[in-house]
């Protein structure tokens, strides 16, 4: 699986170009599946979830990029369905668009739904995460980002990359997301970390990691250069 881990979706030309490069063909020729599940980990999220699905969140563009088709995959529904009802749709999609919200809630349902176990086999699929949709791929998120608490506790996530992500760096509506806050958060993390703003994405292909940015970011943590 090829990963494009963003803070706020495909917001600029550099991230869009990176996405097209991962897809290997124009966006207009690609079928997408949109996963809104993380939103339900936040209270009163119904309207924002609808807006995201409908492509009416211009500050966090995901579904509105001009895809050939967009389907919705709601992970909370999958345990009540047979795999024949959804696995083929996931396998045939060119891209999974995984929206933001609560990373631990998303982690819980990725595991419970069976999607987590399917992901490693999707070698040609592009995974585009936004905020929590990116953070969930890390080994853990850190106590600062724990809101919804899983039944077993902890802050562990999927561990499909070996670094953690601090999103929305220096966002004007998030005064607790300064670089100083990010550095303090990283001091308590066991893995390398990236602090990224909304104009930055992390690209991962075959284990190789690089940063695509029209904004600012910093690598932090135990092995930061």
Protein backbone atom coordinates (compact mmCIF):
# COMPACT_ATOMS: atom_id res chain seq x y z
CA UNK A 1 0.00 0.00 0.00
CA UNK A 2 1.16 3.50 -0.89
CA UNK A 3 0.49 6.13 1.77
CA UNK A 4 -0.09 9.87 1.58
CA UNK A 5 -0.56 11.05 5.15
CA UNK A 6 -1.88 14.60 5.31
CA UNK A 7 -2.95 17.00 8.03
CA UNK A 8 -5.88 18.52 6.12
CA UNK A 9 -6.36 16.69 2.85
CA UNK A 10 -5.13 17.58 -0.62
CA UNK A 11 -4.88 21.32 -0.12
CA UNK A 12 -2.21 22.41 -2.58
CA UNK A 13 -0.53 21.60 -5.86
CA UNK A 14 2.44 19.80 -4.32
CA UNK A 15 0.23 17.34 -2.41
CA UNK A 16 -2.03 16.88 -5.42
CA UNK A 17 0.96 16.15 -7.66
CA UNK A 18 2.21 13.61 -5.11
CA UNK A 19 -1.21 11.95 -5.09
CA UNK A 20 -1.34 11.70 -8.88
CA UNK A 21 2.16 10.25 -8.87
CA UNK A 22 1.11 7.56 -6.41
CA UNK A 23 -2.04 6.78 -8.38
CA UNK A 24 -0.12 6.50 -11.65
CA UNK A 25 -3.02 8.02 -13.61
CA UNK A 26 -5.28 11.10 -13.49
CA UNK A 27 -7.66 11.53 -10.58
CA UNK A 28 -10.56 11.59 -13.05
CA UNK A 29 -9.80 7.97 -13.95
CA UNK A 30 -9.75 6.70 -10.36
CA UNK A 31 -12.41 5.17 -8.13
CA UNK A 32 -12.32 6.27 -4.49
CA UNK A 33 -13.77 4.93 -1.25
CA UNK A 34 -14.32 7.49 1.47
CA UNK A 35 -14.11 6.40 5.13
CA UNK A 36 -15.76 8.94 7.51
CA UNK A 37 -15.74 6.72 10.63
CA UNK A 38 -13.28 8.77 12.71
CA UNK A 39 -15.73 11.66 12.77
CA UNK A 40 -18.15 9.71 14.95
CA UNK A 41 -15.58 9.68 17.74
CA UNK A 42 -16.32 13.39 18.17
CA UNK A 43 -19.64 14.64 19.57
CA UNK A 44 -22.16 16.42 17.34
CA UNK A 45 -20.34 15.48 14.16
CA UNK A 46 -23.29 14.62 11.90
CA UNK A 47 -23.31 17.84 9.87
CA UNK A 48 -19.54 17.90 9.35
CA UNK A 49 -19.61 14.24 8.34
CA UNK A 50 -22.24 14.97 5.71
CA UNK A 51 -20.28 17.96 4.46
CA UNK A 52 -17.14 15.84 4.12
CA UNK A 53 -18.96 13.11 2.20
CA UNK A 54 -20.66 15.68 -0.02
CA UNK A 55 -17.40 17.45 -0.85
CA UNK A 56 -18.31 20.63 0.98
CA UNK A 57 -15.25 20.98 3.21
CA UNK A 58 -12.99 23.18 1.04
CA UNK A 59 -10.39 23.56 3.79
CA UNK A 60 -9.95 19.76 3.92
CA UNK A 61 -10.43 18.58 0.32
CA UNK A 62 -10.83 14.83 -0.14
CA UNK A 63 -14.00 13.78 -1.98
CA UNK A 64 -14.19 16.94 -4.13
CA UNK A 65 -10.99 16.34 -6.12
CA UNK A 66 -12.71 15.14 -9.30
CA UNK A 67 -12.72 11.35 -8.84
CA UNK A 68 -14.32 9.07 -11.42
CA UNK A 69 -16.50 7.76 -8.59
CA UNK A 70 -16.71 8.07 -4.81
CA UNK A 71 -18.24 5.43 -2.55
CA UNK A 72 -18.67 5.55 1.23
CA UNK A 73 -17.31 2.80 3.46
CA UNK A 74 -18.64 3.11 7.01
CA UNK A 75 -16.54 0.81 9.19
CA UNK A 76 -19.04 0.61 12.06
CA UNK A 77 -21.46 -1.19 9.73
CA UNK A 78 -19.04 -3.85 8.49
CA UNK A 79 -19.17 -6.31 11.43
CA UNK A 80 -22.90 -6.78 10.74
CA UNK A 81 -22.24 -7.58 7.08
CA UNK A 82 -20.59 -10.49 5.34
CA UNK A 83 -17.17 -9.86 3.81
CA UNK A 84 -18.68 -10.45 0.38
CA UNK A 85 -20.57 -7.19 0.85
CA UNK A 86 -17.51 -4.96 1.11
CA UNK A 87 -14.11 -6.60 0.59
CA UNK A 88 -14.39 -6.64 -3.19
CA UNK A 89 -15.25 -2.91 -3.18
CA UNK A 90 -12.13 -2.16 -1.15
CA UNK A 91 -9.93 -4.28 -3.39
CA UNK A 92 -11.25 -2.64 -6.56
CA UNK A 93 -10.81 0.94 -5.33
CA UNK A 94 -7.83 2.91 -6.55
CA UNK A 95 -7.72 5.00 -3.39
CA UNK A 96 -9.00 4.97 0.18
CA UNK A 97 -9.76 8.44 1.53
CA UNK A 98 -9.68 8.23 5.33
CA UNK A 99 -11.10 11.31 7.01
CA UNK A 100 -10.19 12.93 10.31
CA UNK A 101 -11.83 12.86 13.70
CA UNK A 102 -10.72 10.65 16.58
CA UNK A 103 -7.72 8.44 15.84
CA UNK A 104 -8.39 5.88 18.59
CA UNK A 105 -12.04 5.51 17.57
CA UNK A 106 -10.89 4.95 13.99
CA UNK A 107 -8.27 2.46 15.15
CA UNK A 108 -10.91 0.53 17.11
CA UNK A 109 -13.20 0.20 14.12
CA UNK A 110 -10.43 -0.52 11.63
CA UNK A 111 -9.54 -3.53 13.75
CA UNK A 112 -13.08 -4.64 14.60
CA UNK A 113 -14.29 -4.31 11.01
CA UNK A 114 -11.46 -6.38 9.57
CA UNK A 115 -10.11 -3.55 7.41
CA UNK A 116 -6.82 -3.45 9.32
CA UNK A 117 -6.12 -7.07 8.37
CA UNK A 118 -6.95 -6.38 4.72
CA UNK A 119 -4.74 -3.32 4.30
CA UNK A 120 -1.36 -5.09 3.88
CA UNK A 121 -2.68 -7.01 0.86
CA UNK A 122 -3.69 -3.82 -0.98
CA UNK A 123 -0.32 -3.37 -2.64
CA UNK A 124 -1.55 -1.19 -5.52
CA UNK A 125 -3.99 0.91 -3.49
CA UNK A 126 -3.25 4.47 -2.41
CA UNK A 127 -4.23 5.35 1.17
CA UNK A 128 -4.82 9.06 1.72
CA UNK A 129 -5.22 9.95 5.38
CA UNK A 130 -6.34 13.25 6.82
CA UNK A 131 -5.49 14.16 10.43
CA UNK A 132 -6.76 11.16 12.47
CA UNK A 133 -6.82 9.17 9.23
CA UNK A 134 -3.06 9.73 9.07
CA UNK A 135 -2.33 9.42 12.80
CA UNK A 136 -3.97 5.98 12.97
CA UNK A 137 -1.20 4.48 10.83
CA UNK A 138 1.38 5.24 13.56
CA UNK A 139 2.37 2.94 16.44
CA UNK A 140 0.75 5.35 18.93
CA UNK A 141 -0.62 8.88 19.15
CA UNK A 142 0.44 10.07 22.61
CA UNK A 143 -1.72 11.00 25.58
CA UNK A 144 -2.22 14.56 24.32
CA UNK A 145 -4.45 13.27 21.53
CA UNK A 146 -6.51 10.78 23.54
CA UNK A 147 -10.17 11.85 23.65
CA UNK A 148 -12.28 8.76 22.97
CA UNK A 149 -10.91 5.94 25.12
CA UNK A 150 -10.85 2.39 23.76
CA UNK A 151 -12.13 -0.47 25.94
CA UNK A 152 -8.59 -1.68 26.63
CA UNK A 153 -7.22 1.81 27.25
CA UNK A 154 -3.89 3.02 25.92
CA UNK A 155 -2.96 5.16 22.94
CA UNK A 156 -1.79 2.43 20.56
CA UNK A 157 -2.79 2.57 16.90
CA UNK A 158 -2.16 0.40 13.83
CA UNK A 159 1.65 0.57 13.63
CA UNK A 160 1.77 0.45 9.84
CA UNK A 161 4.47 3.11 9.83
CA UNK A 162 7.24 3.51 12.40
CA UNK A 163 6.64 7.18 13.21
CA UNK A 164 3.91 9.25 14.85
CA UNK A 165 2.24 12.42 13.57
CA UNK A 166 1.36 15.75 15.19
CA UNK A 167 -1.08 17.36 12.70
CA UNK A 168 -2.42 20.90 12.23
CA UNK A 169 0.84 22.50 13.31
CA UNK A 170 0.38 26.23 14.09
CA UNK A 171 -3.29 26.14 13.07
CA UNK A 172 -4.88 29.50 13.94
CA UNK A 173 -7.90 27.83 15.56
CA UNK A 174 -5.78 25.44 17.65
CA UNK A 175 -3.61 27.48 20.03
CA UNK A 176 -2.34 24.27 21.66
CA UNK A 177 -0.73 23.15 18.36
CA UNK A 178 2.40 25.29 18.35
CA UNK A 179 5.83 23.92 17.51
CA UNK A 180 6.71 24.18 21.20
CA UNK A 181 3.70 21.98 21.98
CA UNK A 182 4.74 19.52 19.30
CA UNK A 183 8.27 19.27 20.68
CA UNK A 184 6.98 18.68 24.20
CA UNK A 185 4.61 15.97 22.87
CA UNK A 186 7.46 14.31 20.98
CA UNK A 187 9.59 14.08 24.14
CA UNK A 188 7.13 11.52 25.50
CA UNK A 189 6.85 9.46 22.34
CA UNK A 190 8.75 6.19 21.88
CA UNK A 191 9.10 6.55 18.10
CA UNK A 192 10.28 9.23 15.68
CA UNK A 193 7.68 11.91 15.01
CA UNK A 194 6.67 14.44 12.41
CA UNK A 195 4.94 17.73 13.20
CA UNK A 196 3.16 18.85 10.02
CA UNK A 197 0.99 21.81 9.12
CA UNK A 198 -2.07 21.71 6.88
CA UNK A 199 -0.02 22.26 3.72
CA UNK A 200 2.23 19.26 4.35
CA UNK A 201 1.96 15.52 3.69
CA UNK A 202 4.14 12.51 4.38
CA UNK A 203 4.55 10.06 1.50
CA UNK A 204 5.46 6.43 2.21
CA UNK A 205 6.23 3.98 -0.59
CA UNK A 206 7.87 0.60 0.04
CA UNK A 207 8.99 1.81 3.45
CA UNK A 208 10.67 4.92 2.06
CA UNK A 209 9.46 8.12 3.72
CA UNK A 210 9.62 11.64 2.35
CA UNK A 211 7.80 14.89 3.04
CA UNK A 212 5.82 16.89 0.49
CA UNK A 213 5.17 20.45 1.63
CA UNK A 214 4.20 23.96 0.69
CA UNK A 215 4.11 24.83 4.37
CA UNK A 216 6.28 23.92 7.34
CA UNK A 217 7.08 20.80 9.29
CA UNK A 218 9.73 19.31 11.56
CA UNK A 219 11.01 15.83 12.32
CA UNK A 220 11.13 15.21 16.05
CA UNK A 221 11.72 12.48 18.57
CA UNK A 222 14.39 9.92 19.40
CA UNK A 223 16.15 9.78 16.03
CA UNK A 224 15.45 13.27 14.72
CA UNK A 225 18.30 14.72 12.70
